Amino acid sequence: MNRRLAIVLASALAVGSIGSRPATAADPEAELQRLRAAILISRERVSAYARDERGLLEALEALDRSISILSEAVAHASHRAERARLRVGEIEIELARIGLRLERVRRAMSDRAAALYRAGDLGAVRMLFSAESLREFLSRVYALRLLLAHDAELLARHRSESDALRQAETRARGASAANDEAAAQRQERSRQLRQEHALKRELVARVHADRARERSALVELETATRALEETLASLGSSPERPPLEGLFFSALRGALEPPVAAPIASEFGRVVDTEFQTQTLRKGVEFLAPFGSPVRAVAAGRVGFAGWFRGYGRLVILDHGDHYFTVSGHLDSIEVEVGDDVTAGQRIGSVGETGSLSGPRLYFEIRRGSRPLDPRQWIPASQAG
């Protein structure tokens, strides 16, 4: 590992592992460090793959992780911009209300000024001393006091509303600046996200255009498959027990609902490459589902694994008891955690293209222990597309 990459990895660890939850809005510097670390790691690994013609899955995972982090950053910036936009709207309404109140005070003050002008400088004195009795004099003194109190109140209201207007204008400028900042950040993160997507497309195209690279990728994918099998073996299985619906998984053969509403694009079993004259065993199927489609548990079970898995992107393994497992890969999002009990039909994530060399799709396996089973025999043909 070169010194530059070591520094980046240390930075990434300092702000939280790459691919974990995004930094909070209260910690923008940590979020920025995390973004920079993820992007730089993806660049380093893509460059290493281009140089050595190996390490495709590492490069692909690094790109997927940076794309994931940038997608979260774009969503966060969009949310901030929307909140700021709404705040600007609220303050503009507040400004209009304060302006109306201030205008009413000003009109009242104008009317009083006009009345005082008409009365002249000695108007109040003449009013007092033209009284014909002491009682009338005292009554006029009381009325004059009320007028003075009213005028003082008008001045106080004018001062208060003017202060409120200035404060609201300050808040409006702040909200507008926050809106502009969030919009600029969203634009920049979106640009970076487009760059990462373009780099991934270029990487995949480079693999498919070069026979030697495709052979190397095939070897790496076989290694990833063995790693998945070892992970499944290490999970063991919960004791044979009826799931929440009261049925054993084996009783659901031929009656499972598919994990996603989409046709199967790649079948289970042996795959012959006529160009390379090679045979591989595909141990699951791929559903050609649109990006973001909900992925659901095909039966009740417990989450044994939920996270990144090299070669499969974001992956969820469900333990259905009696050594039966289902595997869902290439996910964009994961909505369960290890140890969660799930019911049949419960949403566990969404379709993505993490770890995929073919775009958005769902990779799906059914296993009994380490033995892969053909999902077609478990999902009715009418349901599997």
Protein backbone atom coordinates (compact mmCIF):
# COMPACT_ATOMS: atom_id res chain seq x y z
CA MET A 1 0.00 0.00 0.00
CA ASN A 2 1.52 3.34 -0.98
CA ARG A 3 1.91 6.20 1.47
CA ARG A 4 -0.82 8.33 -0.14
CA LEU A 5 -3.43 5.57 0.10
CA ALA A 6 -2.40 4.84 3.70
CA ILE A 7 -3.05 8.46 4.62
CA VAL A 8 -6.44 8.34 2.93
CA LEU A 9 -7.43 5.16 4.74
CA ALA A 10 -6.39 6.66 8.06
CA SER A 11 -8.53 9.71 7.30
CA ALA A 12 -11.45 7.48 6.41
CA LEU A 13 -11.14 5.55 9.66
CA ALA A 14 -10.95 8.79 11.62
CA VAL A 15 -14.38 9.91 10.40
CA GLY A 16 -16.08 6.49 10.31
CA SER A 17 -15.73 3.50 8.02
CA ILE A 18 -16.27 3.99 4.31
CA GLY A 19 -19.84 3.03 3.48
CA SER A 20 -21.24 3.64 6.96
CA ARG A 21 -23.85 6.23 7.79
CA PRO A 22 -23.12 9.74 6.45
CA ALA A 23 -21.65 12.41 8.70
CA THR A 24 -24.24 14.69 10.24
CA ALA A 25 -24.96 18.21 9.07
CA ALA A 26 -23.42 19.42 12.34
CA ASP A 27 -20.07 17.95 11.22
CA PRO A 28 -19.57 19.15 7.63
CA GLU A 29 -15.79 18.89 7.83
CA ALA A 30 -15.98 15.19 8.73
CA GLU A 31 -18.45 14.64 5.88
CA LEU A 32 -16.10 16.38 3.44
CA GLN A 33 -13.13 14.29 4.61
CA ARG A 34 -15.20 11.14 4.21
CA LEU A 35 -16.19 12.10 0.66
CA ARG A 36 -12.64 12.97 -0.33
CA ALA A 37 -11.31 9.73 1.17
CA ALA A 38 -13.87 7.60 -0.67
CA ILE A 39 -13.22 9.30 -4.01
CA LEU A 40 -9.45 9.11 -3.64
CA ILE A 41 -9.56 5.43 -2.68
CA SER A 42 -11.69 4.67 -5.75
CA ARG A 43 -9.21 6.54 -7.95
CA GLU A 44 -6.27 4.66 -6.43
CA ARG A 45 -7.87 1.27 -6.94
CA VAL A 46 -9.05 1.99 -10.49
CA SER A 47 -5.53 3.16 -11.33
CA ALA A 48 -4.06 0.03 -9.75
CA TYR A 49 -6.40 -2.16 -11.79
CA ALA A 50 -5.53 -0.31 -15.02
CA ARG A 51 -1.82 -0.77 -14.23
CA ASP A 52 -1.82 -4.38 -13.01
CA GLU A 53 -4.92 -5.78 -14.81
CA ARG A 54 -6.08 -7.35 -11.58
CA GLY A 55 -8.05 -6.21 -8.57
CA LEU A 56 -11.22 -5.56 -10.58
CA LEU A 57 -13.55 -6.36 -7.68
CA GLU A 58 -11.60 -4.09 -5.33
CA ALA A 59 -11.83 -1.24 -7.85
CA LEU A 60 -15.51 -1.93 -8.47
CA GLU A 61 -16.29 -2.01 -4.74
CA ALA A 62 -14.38 1.23 -4.14
CA LEU A 63 -16.37 2.92 -6.92
CA ASP A 64 -19.65 1.55 -5.59
CA ARG A 65 -18.84 2.79 -2.10
CA SER A 66 -17.94 6.28 -3.30
CA ILE A 67 -21.08 6.35 -5.46
CA SER A 68 -23.14 5.32 -2.44
CA ILE A 69 -21.58 8.00 -0.23
CA LEU A 70 -22.01 10.66 -2.92
CA SER A 71 -25.64 9.62 -3.46
CA GLU A 72 -26.26 10.12 0.26
CA ALA A 73 -24.48 13.49 0.09
CA VAL A 74 -26.63 14.60 -2.86
CA ALA A 75 -29.79 13.58 -1.00
CA HIS A 76 -28.59 15.37 2.14
CA ALA A 77 -27.76 18.56 0.22
CA SER A 78 -31.12 18.40 -1.56
CA HIS A 79 -32.87 18.07 1.79
CA ARG A 80 -30.93 21.02 3.18
CA ALA A 81 -31.72 23.12 0.12
CA GLU A 82 -35.42 22.27 0.36
CA ARG A 83 -35.52 23.13 4.07
CA ALA A 84 -33.73 26.42 3.36
CA ARG A 85 -36.13 27.18 0.50
CA LEU A 86 -39.11 26.58 2.77
CA ARG A 87 -37.50 28.73 5.46
CA VAL A 88 -37.05 31.55 2.95
CA GLY A 89 -40.74 31.26 2.07
CA GLU A 90 -41.76 31.34 5.74
CA ILE A 91 -39.64 34.43 6.39
CA GLU A 92 -41.02 36.17 3.32
CA ILE A 93 -44.54 35.64 4.68
CA GLU A 94 -43.36 36.95 8.07
CA LEU A 95 -41.84 40.01 6.37
CA ALA A 96 -45.11 40.71 4.57
CA ARG A 97 -47.06 40.48 7.84
CA ILE A 98 -44.62 42.77 9.67
CA GLY A 99 -44.76 45.18 6.74
CA LEU A 100 -48.56 45.35 6.95
CA ARG A 101 -48.46 45.97 10.70
CA LEU A 102 -45.79 48.64 10.29
CA GLU A 103 -47.81 50.34 7.56
CA ARG A 104 -50.87 50.48 9.82
CA VAL A 105 -48.77 52.07 12.60
CA ARG A 106 -47.36 54.58 10.13
CA ARG A 107 -50.83 55.53 8.92
CA ALA A 108 -51.98 56.01 12.52
CA MET A 109 -48.94 58.16 13.24
CA SER A 110 -49.60 60.17 10.10
CA ASP A 111 -53.18 60.81 11.17
CA ARG A 112 -52.01 61.97 14.60
CA ALA A 113 -49.39 64.23 13.05
CA ALA A 114 -52.05 65.79 10.82
CA ALA A 115 -54.34 66.35 13.82
CA LEU A 116 -51.54 67.97 15.80
CA TYR A 117 -50.71 70.22 12.85
CA ARG A 118 -54.29 71.35 12.55
CA ALA A 119 -54.44 72.09 16.29
CA GLY A 120 -51.29 74.22 16.13
CA ASP A 121 -48.57 74.65 18.73
CA LEU A 122 -50.99 75.90 21.41
CA GLY A 123 -53.83 73.57 20.56
CA ALA A 124 -53.60 71.58 23.78
CA VAL A 125 -53.32 74.75 25.90
CA ARG A 126 -56.36 76.33 24.29
CA MET A 127 -58.29 73.07 24.75
CA LEU A 128 -57.51 73.04 28.48
CA PHE A 129 -58.16 76.69 29.29
CA SER A 130 -61.33 76.97 27.24
CA ALA A 131 -63.03 74.68 29.74
CA GLU A 132 -66.00 76.30 31.42
CA SER A 133 -65.69 74.40 34.69
CA LEU A 134 -63.18 72.60 36.83
CA ARG A 135 -64.86 69.31 36.10
CA GLU A 136 -64.60 69.91 32.34
CA PHE A 137 -60.96 71.00 32.78
CA LEU A 138 -60.08 67.78 34.62
CA SER A 139 -61.94 65.76 32.01
CA ARG A 140 -59.90 67.41 29.26
CA VAL A 141 -56.66 66.78 31.18
CA TYR A 142 -57.58 63.08 31.38
CA ALA A 143 -58.37 62.99 27.64
CA LEU A 144 -55.07 64.68 26.85
CA ARG A 145 -53.21 62.11 28.95
CA LEU A 146 -54.93 59.33 26.97
CA LEU A 147 -53.84 60.98 23.71
CA LEU A 148 -50.27 61.26 24.94
CA ALA A 149 -50.28 57.62 26.06
CA HIS A 150 -51.69 56.63 22.67
CA ASP A 151 -48.97 58.59 20.87
CA ALA A 152 -46.30 57.00 23.06
CA GLU A 153 -47.72 53.56 22.29
CA LEU A 154 -47.68 54.35 18.56
CA LEU A 155 -44.00 55.31 18.79
CA ALA A 156 -43.18 52.15 20.77
CA ARG A 157 -45.07 49.97 18.29
CA HIS A 158 -43.29 51.65 15.38
CA ARG A 159 -39.91 51.02 17.02
CA SER A 160 -40.82 47.40 17.85
CA GLU A 161 -42.14 46.60 14.37
CA SER A 162 -39.12 48.30 12.76
CA ASP A 163 -36.79 46.16 14.90
CA ALA A 164 -38.79 43.03 14.00
CA LEU A 165 -38.55 43.95 10.32
CA ARG A 166 -34.77 44.37 10.49
CA GLN A 167 -34.38 41.05 12.33
CA ALA A 168 -36.59 39.26 9.82
CA GLU A 169 -34.59 40.78 6.96
CA THR A 170 -31.40 39.47 8.60
CA ARG A 171 -32.96 36.00 8.92
CA ALA A 172 -34.09 36.17 5.30
CA ARG A 173 -30.57 36.95 4.13
CA GLY A 174 -29.23 34.07 6.24
CA ALA A 175 -31.83 31.62 4.92
CA SER A 176 -31.19 32.75 1.36
CA ALA A 177 -27.44 32.28 1.83
CA ALA A 178 -28.04 28.81 3.31
CA ASN A 179 -30.25 27.97 0.34
CA ASP A 180 -27.58 29.11 -2.11
CA GLU A 181 -24.88 27.18 -0.23
CA ALA A 182 -26.93 23.97 -0.14
CA ALA A 183 -27.84 24.31 -3.83
CA ALA A 184 -24.18 24.83 -4.74
CA GLN A 185 -23.18 21.81 -2.64
CA ARG A 186 -25.87 19.69 -4.28
CA GLN A 187 -24.62 20.77 -7.70
CA GLU A 188 -21.02 19.92 -6.81
CA ARG A 189 -21.90 16.54 -5.26
CA SER A 190 -24.07 15.72 -8.28
CA ARG A 191 -21.14 16.53 -10.57
CA GLN A 192 -18.87 14.26 -8.54
CA LEU A 193 -21.50 11.52 -8.59
CA ARG A 194 -21.76 11.73 -12.39
CA GLN A 195 -17.98 11.43 -12.58
CA GLU A 196 -17.98 8.27 -10.44
CA HIS A 197 -20.77 6.71 -12.52
CA ALA A 198 -18.85 7.55 -15.71
CA LEU A 199 -15.68 6.03 -14.26
CA LYS A 200 -17.55 2.84 -13.38
CA ARG A 201 -19.03 2.60 -16.90
CA GLU A 202 -15.56 3.11 -18.35
CA LEU A 203 -14.14 0.40 -16.08
CA VAL A 204 -16.84 -2.10 -17.05
CA ALA A 205 -16.45 -1.30 -20.75
CA ARG A 206 -12.69 -1.81 -20.44
CA VAL A 207 -13.28 -5.26 -18.93
CA HIS A 208 -15.72 -6.36 -21.61
CA ALA A 209 -13.47 -5.10 -24.42
CA ASP A 210 -10.41 -7.07 -23.34
CA ARG A 211 -10.35 -10.88 -23.29
CA ALA A 212 -7.49 -11.05 -20.81
CA ARG A 213 -9.33 -8.72 -18.44
CA GLU A 214 -12.53 -10.75 -18.77
CA ARG A 215 -10.68 -13.94 -17.92
CA SER A 216 -9.09 -12.23 -14.91
CA ALA A 217 -12.52 -10.92 -13.84
CA LEU A 218 -13.94 -14.43 -14.09
CA VAL A 219 -11.23 -15.75 -11.77
CA GLU A 220 -11.94 -12.96 -9.27
CA LEU A 221 -15.68 -13.67 -9.37
CA GLU A 222 -15.05 -17.35 -8.70
CA THR A 223 -12.93 -16.35 -5.70
CA ALA A 224 -15.78 -14.11 -4.50
CA THR A 225 -18.18 -17.04 -4.85
CA ARG A 226 -15.96 -19.21 -2.66
CA ALA A 227 -15.77 -16.42 -0.09
CA LEU A 228 -19.58 -16.25 -0.03
CA GLU A 229 -19.77 -20.02 0.50
CA GLU A 230 -17.32 -19.77 3.38
CA THR A 231 -19.41 -16.98 4.91
CA LEU A 232 -22.55 -19.10 4.64
CA ALA A 233 -20.75 -22.03 6.24
CA SER A 234 -19.55 -19.82 9.10
CA LEU A 235 -23.09 -18.61 9.77
CA GLY A 236 -24.25 -22.13 10.48
CA SER A 237 -28.01 -22.16 10.86
CA SER A 238 -30.62 -21.75 13.51
CA PRO A 239 -32.24 -24.95 14.78
CA GLU A 240 -35.07 -26.34 12.73
CA ARG A 241 -38.02 -24.24 13.78
CA PRO A 242 -41.21 -23.08 12.13
CA PRO A 243 -40.94 -19.48 10.97
CA LEU A 244 -43.50 -16.87 11.99
CA GLU A 245 -46.00 -18.12 9.42
CA GLY A 246 -45.87 -21.58 11.00
CA LEU A 247 -44.28 -23.32 7.98
CA PHE A 248 -40.84 -24.85 7.43
CA PHE A 249 -38.94 -23.38 4.49
CA SER A 250 -38.84 -26.76 2.77
CA ALA A 251 -42.66 -26.76 2.65
CA LEU A 252 -42.55 -23.59 0.50
CA ARG A 253 -40.89 -25.26 -2.49
CA GLY A 254 -42.76 -24.22 -5.63
CA ALA A 255 -44.79 -21.59 -3.77
CA LEU A 256 -42.33 -18.81 -2.93
CA GLU A 257 -43.13 -15.28 -3.94
CA PRO A 258 -40.20 -13.76 -5.88
CA PRO A 259 -37.98 -11.32 -3.97
CA VAL A 260 -38.68 -8.61 -6.54
CA ALA A 261 -41.39 -8.01 -9.14
CA ALA A 262 -39.27 -8.53 -12.26
CA PRO A 263 -38.37 -11.21 -14.81
CA ILE A 264 -35.35 -13.47 -14.43
CA ALA A 265 -32.65 -12.32 -16.87
CA SER A 266 -29.86 -14.80 -16.02
CA GLU A 267 -30.65 -18.40 -15.18
CA PHE A 268 -29.20 -20.78 -12.60
CA GLY A 269 -26.75 -23.46 -13.72
CA ARG A 270 -23.90 -23.94 -16.16
CA VAL A 271 -22.96 -21.03 -18.38
CA VAL A 272 -20.89 -21.72 -21.50
CA ASP A 273 -18.81 -18.89 -22.92
CA THR A 274 -18.48 -19.73 -26.64
CA GLU A 275 -15.83 -17.07 -27.15
CA PHE A 276 -13.50 -18.24 -24.38
CA GLN A 277 -14.66 -21.88 -24.48
CA THR A 278 -15.16 -21.89 -20.72
CA GLN A 279 -17.90 -23.20 -18.44
CA THR A 280 -18.95 -21.65 -15.17
CA LEU A 281 -21.68 -22.51 -12.70
CA ARG A 282 -24.01 -19.67 -11.84
CA LYS A 283 -25.28 -20.48 -8.36
CA GLY A 284 -28.17 -18.04 -8.39
CA VAL A 285 -30.35 -16.03 -10.73
CA GLU A 286 -30.49 -12.38 -11.68
CA PHE A 287 -33.75 -10.47 -11.77
CA LEU A 288 -33.80 -7.62 -14.29
CA ALA A 289 -35.45 -5.10 -11.99
CA PRO A 290 -35.45 -1.30 -12.23
CA PHE A 291 -33.11 0.61 -9.95
CA GLY A 292 -34.71 1.25 -6.55
CA SER A 293 -37.32 -1.54 -6.80
CA PRO A 294 -38.20 -2.98 -3.38
CA VAL A 295 -36.54 -6.29 -2.48
CA ARG A 296 -38.50 -8.47 -0.05
CA ALA A 297 -37.87 -11.56 2.06
CA VAL A 298 -39.27 -14.63 0.32
CA ALA A 299 -39.98 -16.26 3.70
CA ALA A 300 -39.65 -15.57 7.38
CA GLY A 301 -36.14 -15.78 8.78
CA ARG A 302 -33.34 -14.02 10.58
CA VAL A 303 -30.72 -11.68 9.08
CA GLY A 304 -27.34 -13.42 9.18
CA PHE A 305 -25.41 -10.88 7.13
CA ALA A 306 -26.14 -7.34 5.95
CA GLY A 307 -23.44 -5.21 4.39
CA TRP A 308 -20.82 -4.95 1.67
CA PHE A 309 -19.50 -8.19 0.19
CA ARG A 310 -16.82 -8.09 -2.49
CA GLY A 311 -18.16 -9.25 -5.85
CA TYR A 312 -21.81 -8.87 -4.80
CA GLY A 313 -21.95 -5.26 -3.61
CA ARG A 314 -24.44 -4.69 -0.84
CA LEU A 315 -25.69 -8.10 0.27
CA VAL A 316 -28.25 -9.57 2.66
CA ILE A 317 -28.24 -13.21 3.78
CA LEU A 318 -31.38 -14.55 5.48
CA ASP A 319 -31.32 -17.70 7.58
CA HIS A 320 -34.65 -19.51 7.24
CA GLY A 321 -33.82 -22.39 9.57
CA ASP A 322 -33.00 -26.04 8.86
CA HIS A 323 -29.85 -24.86 6.98
CA TYR A 324 -31.83 -22.96 4.32
CA PHE A 325 -30.52 -19.54 3.28
CA THR A 326 -31.42 -16.92 0.71
CA VAL A 327 -28.92 -14.41 -0.63
CA SER A 328 -29.81 -11.04 -2.17
CA GLY A 329 -26.99 -9.06 -3.80
CA HIS A 330 -26.27 -5.93 -5.89
CA LEU A 331 -28.55 -3.97 -3.53
CA ASP A 332 -28.60 -0.19 -3.53
CA SER A 333 -29.89 0.05 0.04
CA ILE A 334 -30.16 -2.34 2.99
CA GLU A 335 -33.06 -1.85 5.37
CA VAL A 336 -32.38 -4.59 7.94
CA GLU A 337 -29.60 -5.34 10.39
CA VAL A 338 -27.86 -8.52 11.49
CA GLY A 339 -30.01 -10.35 14.04
CA ASP A 340 -33.33 -8.88 12.84
CA ASP A 341 -36.25 -11.28 12.49
CA VAL A 342 -38.11 -10.69 9.24
CA THR A 343 -41.45 -11.89 7.95
CA ALA A 344 -42.32 -13.11 4.47
CA GLY A 345 -42.81 -10.15 2.16
CA GLN A 346 -40.98 -7.71 4.46
CA ARG A 347 -38.84 -5.19 2.62
CA ILE A 348 -35.12 -5.81 3.22
CA GLY A 349 -33.62 -3.38 0.69
CA SER A 350 -33.82 -2.02 -2.82
CA VAL A 351 -32.41 -3.02 -6.21
CA GLY A 352 -29.12 -1.41 -7.20
CA GLU A 353 -25.99 -2.13 -9.20
CA THR A 354 -23.37 -2.43 -6.46
CA GLY A 355 -20.90 -5.13 -7.47
CA SER A 356 -22.66 -5.56 -10.83
CA LEU A 357 -20.95 -5.50 -14.21
CA SER A 358 -24.29 -5.43 -16.01
CA GLY A 359 -26.21 -2.51 -14.53
CA PRO A 360 -29.13 -2.56 -12.07
CA ARG A 361 -30.39 -6.04 -11.15
CA LEU A 362 -30.98 -8.31 -8.19
CA TYR A 363 -28.73 -11.33 -7.67
CA PHE A 364 -30.62 -14.03 -5.75
CA GLU A 365 -29.61 -17.43 -4.39
CA ILE A 366 -31.32 -20.20 -2.41
CA ARG A 367 -29.03 -22.59 -0.56
CA ARG A 368 -29.35 -25.65 1.64
CA GLY A 369 -26.14 -25.50 3.60
CA SER A 370 -23.41 -24.99 0.99
CA ARG A 371 -25.47 -26.52 -1.82
CA PRO A 372 -27.02 -24.01 -4.25
CA LEU A 373 -30.60 -24.70 -5.32
CA ASP A 374 -32.30 -23.56 -8.52
CA PRO A 375 -34.68 -20.72 -7.55
CA ARG A 376 -36.85 -21.66 -10.54
CA GLN A 377 -37.89 -24.80 -8.64
CA TRP A 378 -39.03 -22.72 -5.70
CA ILE A 379 -40.70 -19.78 -7.41
CA PRO A 380 -43.65 -20.56 -9.69
CA ALA A 381 -42.95 -19.82 -13.35
CA SER A 382 -45.90 -17.44 -13.44
CA GLN A 383 -44.28 -15.43 -10.65
CA ALA A 384 -40.65 -15.56 -11.84
CA GLY A 385 -41.34 -13.78 -15.13
